[in-house]
């Protein structure tokens, strides 16, 4: 995928799922989300909270896809059942 030049519109590999995940996280874990947001705006920490969330979601999706691909490849290598023994 092509990287966007404007990081405020870039959800990278997480896509719409990353936006939904961030929304659910902030609604279901409001206190923790507020704490993380405060940390993200701290003068020493200073990180883009939403973009970090999108990137973490993208990493999880990538790991799940890799695990799924590995499992599928392993299944394809198994001998096929040819009937009753």
N, C-alpha and C. Protein backbone atom coordinates (compact mmCIF):
# COMPACT_ATOMS: atom_id res chain seq x y z
N UNK A 1 0.82 -1.20 0.00
CA UNK A 1 0.00 0.00 0.00
C UNK A 1 0.86 1.25 0.00
N UNK A 2 0.32 2.24 -0.61
CA UNK A 2 1.01 3.52 -0.67
C UNK A 2 0.78 4.29 0.63
N UNK A 3 1.83 4.85 1.17
CA UNK A 3 1.70 5.68 2.37
C UNK A 3 1.17 7.04 1.99
N UNK A 4 0.29 7.53 2.81
CA UNK A 4 -0.28 8.85 2.56
C UNK A 4 0.66 9.91 3.10
N UNK A 5 0.58 11.09 2.52
CA UNK A 5 1.47 12.16 2.94
C UNK A 5 0.91 12.91 4.15
N UNK A 6 -0.39 12.81 4.39
CA UNK A 6 -1.01 13.49 5.51
C UNK A 6 -1.31 12.47 6.61
N UNK A 7 -0.50 12.44 7.69
CA UNK A 7 -0.70 11.42 8.72
C UNK A 7 -2.04 11.51 9.42
N UNK A 8 -2.71 12.64 9.35
CA UNK A 8 -4.00 12.76 10.02
C UNK A 8 -5.10 11.98 9.29
N UNK A 9 -4.86 11.58 8.05
CA UNK A 9 -5.85 10.80 7.30
C UNK A 9 -5.37 9.37 7.04
N UNK A 10 -4.26 8.98 7.60
CA UNK A 10 -3.64 7.69 7.31
C UNK A 10 -4.02 6.66 8.36
N UNK A 11 -4.78 5.66 7.98
CA UNK A 11 -5.12 4.58 8.91
C UNK A 11 -4.33 3.32 8.58
N UNK A 12 -3.45 3.41 7.61
CA UNK A 12 -2.54 2.34 7.21
C UNK A 12 -3.27 1.01 7.03
N UNK A 13 -2.72 -0.05 7.53
CA UNK A 13 -3.27 -1.39 7.28
C UNK A 13 -4.52 -1.70 8.11
N UNK A 14 -4.87 -0.84 9.03
CA UNK A 14 -6.03 -1.15 9.87
C UNK A 14 -7.35 -0.80 9.21
N UNK A 15 -7.35 0.13 8.29
CA UNK A 15 -8.55 0.50 7.56
C UNK A 15 -9.71 0.89 8.46
N UNK A 16 -10.90 0.61 8.01
CA UNK A 16 -12.11 0.94 8.76
C UNK A 16 -12.15 0.19 10.09
N UNK A 17 -11.58 -1.01 10.12
CA UNK A 17 -11.53 -1.78 11.36
C UNK A 17 -10.75 -1.02 12.44
N UNK A 18 -9.67 -0.35 12.06
CA UNK A 18 -8.89 0.43 13.01
C UNK A 18 -9.69 1.58 13.60
N UNK A 19 -10.50 2.21 12.77
CA UNK A 19 -11.35 3.30 13.26
C UNK A 19 -12.40 2.75 14.21
N UNK A 20 -13.02 1.63 13.83
CA UNK A 20 -14.03 1.00 14.69
C UNK A 20 -13.41 0.54 16.01
N UNK A 21 -12.22 -0.02 15.94
CA UNK A 21 -11.54 -0.49 17.15
C UNK A 21 -11.25 0.67 18.09
N UNK A 22 -10.77 1.79 17.56
CA UNK A 22 -10.48 2.95 18.39
C UNK A 22 -11.76 3.50 19.02
N UNK A 23 -12.83 3.54 18.24
CA UNK A 23 -14.11 4.00 18.76
C UNK A 23 -14.60 3.10 19.89
N UNK A 24 -14.57 1.79 19.67
CA UNK A 24 -15.00 0.85 20.72
C UNK A 24 -14.11 0.96 21.96
N UNK A 25 -12.81 1.08 21.74
CA UNK A 25 -11.90 1.21 22.88
C UNK A 25 -12.23 2.44 23.72
N UNK A 26 -12.43 3.57 23.05
CA UNK A 26 -12.70 4.80 23.80
C UNK A 26 -14.06 4.78 24.46
N UNK A 27 -15.03 4.07 23.87
CA UNK A 27 -16.36 3.98 24.49
C UNK A 27 -16.39 2.96 25.62
N UNK A 28 -15.73 1.81 25.42
CA UNK A 28 -15.79 0.73 26.40
C UNK A 28 -14.77 0.87 27.53
N UNK A 29 -13.70 1.60 27.28
CA UNK A 29 -12.63 1.77 28.28
C UNK A 29 -12.27 3.25 28.37
N UNK A 30 -13.27 4.06 28.65
CA UNK A 30 -13.11 5.51 28.60
C UNK A 30 -12.00 6.00 29.54
N UNK A 31 -12.00 5.52 30.75
CA UNK A 31 -11.00 5.99 31.72
C UNK A 31 -9.59 5.68 31.25
N UNK A 32 -9.37 4.47 30.76
CA UNK A 32 -8.05 4.10 30.26
C UNK A 32 -7.69 4.92 29.02
N UNK A 33 -8.67 5.13 28.13
CA UNK A 33 -8.42 5.92 26.93
C UNK A 33 -8.04 7.35 27.28
N UNK A 34 -8.71 7.93 28.27
CA UNK A 34 -8.38 9.30 28.71
C UNK A 34 -6.96 9.33 29.29
N UNK A 35 -6.63 8.32 30.07
CA UNK A 35 -5.28 8.26 30.66
C UNK A 35 -4.22 8.16 29.57
N UNK A 36 -4.46 7.30 28.58
CA UNK A 36 -3.50 7.16 27.48
C UNK A 36 -3.42 8.45 26.67
N UNK A 37 -4.57 9.09 26.45
CA UNK A 37 -4.55 10.35 25.69
C UNK A 37 -3.75 11.41 26.44
N UNK A 38 -3.95 11.50 27.75
CA UNK A 38 -3.16 12.46 28.54
C UNK A 38 -1.68 12.16 28.43
N UNK A 39 -1.33 10.89 28.48
CA UNK A 39 0.07 10.49 28.34
C UNK A 39 0.58 10.88 26.95
N UNK A 40 -0.27 10.72 25.94
CA UNK A 40 0.17 11.03 24.56
C UNK A 40 0.44 12.51 24.35
N UNK A 41 -0.16 13.36 25.19
CA UNK A 41 0.06 14.80 25.05
C UNK A 41 1.07 15.34 26.07
N UNK A 42 1.62 14.43 26.87
CA UNK A 42 2.64 14.81 27.83
C UNK A 42 3.87 15.34 27.10
N UNK A 43 4.54 16.34 27.67
CA UNK A 43 5.69 16.95 26.99
C UNK A 43 6.84 15.96 26.79
N UNK A 44 6.94 14.95 27.66
CA UNK A 44 8.02 13.97 27.51
C UNK A 44 7.64 12.80 26.61
N UNK A 45 6.37 12.39 26.64
CA UNK A 45 5.93 11.24 25.83
C UNK A 45 5.59 11.68 24.41
N UNK A 46 4.58 12.54 24.28
CA UNK A 46 4.19 13.16 23.02
C UNK A 46 4.15 12.20 21.83
N UNK A 47 3.09 11.40 21.75
CA UNK A 47 2.90 10.50 20.61
C UNK A 47 1.47 10.65 20.08
N UNK A 48 1.29 10.36 18.81
CA UNK A 48 -0.05 10.49 18.21
C UNK A 48 -0.94 9.30 18.60
N UNK A 49 -1.80 9.50 19.58
CA UNK A 49 -2.63 8.45 20.15
C UNK A 49 -3.39 7.66 19.09
N UNK A 50 -4.12 8.33 18.22
CA UNK A 50 -4.93 7.64 17.22
C UNK A 50 -4.05 6.86 16.24
N UNK A 51 -2.97 7.46 15.77
CA UNK A 51 -2.11 6.76 14.82
C UNK A 51 -1.43 5.55 15.44
N UNK A 52 -1.05 5.66 16.71
CA UNK A 52 -0.47 4.50 17.40
C UNK A 52 -1.52 3.40 17.49
N UNK A 53 -2.76 3.77 17.80
CA UNK A 53 -3.85 2.80 17.85
C UNK A 53 -4.03 2.11 16.50
N UNK A 54 -4.05 2.90 15.42
CA UNK A 54 -4.20 2.32 14.08
C UNK A 54 -3.05 1.38 13.75
N UNK A 55 -1.84 1.79 14.10
CA UNK A 55 -0.68 0.94 13.82
C UNK A 55 -0.72 -0.36 14.62
N UNK A 56 -1.11 -0.29 15.89
CA UNK A 56 -1.22 -1.51 16.70
C UNK A 56 -2.31 -2.44 16.15
N UNK A 57 -3.43 -1.87 15.75
CA UNK A 57 -4.49 -2.67 15.14
C UNK A 57 -4.00 -3.31 13.86
N UNK A 58 -3.26 -2.56 13.06
CA UNK A 58 -2.70 -3.11 11.83
C UNK A 58 -1.73 -4.25 12.09
N UNK A 59 -0.91 -4.13 13.14
CA UNK A 59 0.02 -5.21 13.50
C UNK A 59 -0.73 -6.47 13.93
N UNK A 60 -1.78 -6.29 14.70
CA UNK A 60 -2.58 -7.44 15.14
C UNK A 60 -3.22 -8.11 13.92
N UNK A 61 -3.80 -7.32 13.03
CA UNK A 61 -4.41 -7.88 11.83
C UNK A 61 -3.38 -8.63 10.98
N UNK A 62 -2.20 -8.06 10.86
CA UNK A 62 -1.13 -8.70 10.09
C UNK A 62 -0.73 -10.04 10.73
N UNK A 63 -0.60 -10.06 12.06
CA UNK A 63 -0.25 -11.30 12.76
C UNK A 63 -1.35 -12.35 12.59
N UNK A 64 -2.61 -11.93 12.68
CA UNK A 64 -3.71 -12.87 12.49
C UNK A 64 -3.73 -13.42 11.07
N UNK A 65 -3.48 -12.56 10.10
CA UNK A 65 -3.44 -13.03 8.71
C UNK A 65 -2.29 -14.01 8.51
N UNK A 66 -1.14 -13.70 9.11
CA UNK A 66 0.02 -14.58 8.99
C UNK A 66 -0.27 -15.93 9.64
N UNK A 67 -0.87 -15.91 10.82
CA UNK A 67 -1.21 -17.15 11.53
C UNK A 67 -2.20 -17.96 10.71
N UNK A 68 -3.18 -17.29 10.13
CA UNK A 68 -4.18 -17.96 9.30
C UNK A 68 -3.52 -18.57 8.07
N UNK A 69 -2.62 -17.83 7.44
CA UNK A 69 -1.92 -18.33 6.25
C UNK A 69 -1.05 -19.52 6.60
N UNK A 70 -0.37 -19.46 7.73
CA UNK A 70 0.50 -20.55 8.17
C UNK A 70 -0.33 -21.80 8.45
N UNK A 71 -1.46 -21.62 9.14
CA UNK A 71 -2.33 -22.75 9.45
C UNK A 71 -2.89 -23.36 8.17
N UNK A 72 -3.27 -22.51 7.22
CA UNK A 72 -3.81 -23.02 5.96
C UNK A 72 -2.74 -23.79 5.20
N UNK A 73 -1.53 -23.28 5.19
CA UNK A 73 -0.43 -23.96 4.50
C UNK A 73 -0.15 -25.31 5.15
N UNK A 74 -0.22 -25.37 6.47
CA UNK A 74 0.00 -26.63 7.18
C UNK A 74 -1.09 -27.63 6.83
N UNK A 75 -2.32 -27.18 6.74
CA UNK A 75 -3.43 -28.08 6.38
C UNK A 75 -3.26 -28.62 4.96
N UNK A 76 -2.78 -27.79 4.09
CA UNK A 76 -2.60 -28.23 2.70
C UNK A 76 -1.51 -29.27 2.56
N UNK A 77 -0.58 -29.31 3.48
CA UNK A 77 0.52 -30.29 3.44
C UNK A 77 0.10 -31.64 4.01
N UNK A 78 -1.02 -31.69 4.71
CA UNK A 78 -1.48 -32.95 5.30
C UNK A 78 -1.97 -33.89 4.20
N UNK A 79 -1.73 -35.20 4.39
CA UNK A 79 -2.27 -36.14 3.39
C UNK A 79 -3.79 -36.10 3.40
N UNK A 80 -4.35 -36.23 2.24
CA UNK A 80 -5.81 -36.19 2.14
C UNK A 80 -6.39 -37.56 2.47
N UNK A 81 -7.54 -37.50 3.09
CA UNK A 81 -8.25 -38.73 3.44
C UNK A 81 -8.84 -39.30 2.16
N UNK A 82 -8.56 -40.57 1.86
CA UNK A 82 -9.02 -41.16 0.60
C UNK A 82 -10.17 -42.13 0.79
N UNK A 83 -10.73 -42.22 1.95
CA UNK A 83 -11.86 -43.11 2.18
C UNK A 83 -11.63 -43.99 3.39
N UNK A 84 -12.41 -45.02 3.51
CA UNK A 84 -12.30 -45.93 4.66
C UNK A 84 -11.01 -46.70 4.64
N UNK A 85 -10.51 -47.03 5.83
CA UNK A 85 -9.26 -47.78 5.94
C UNK A 85 -9.55 -49.22 6.17
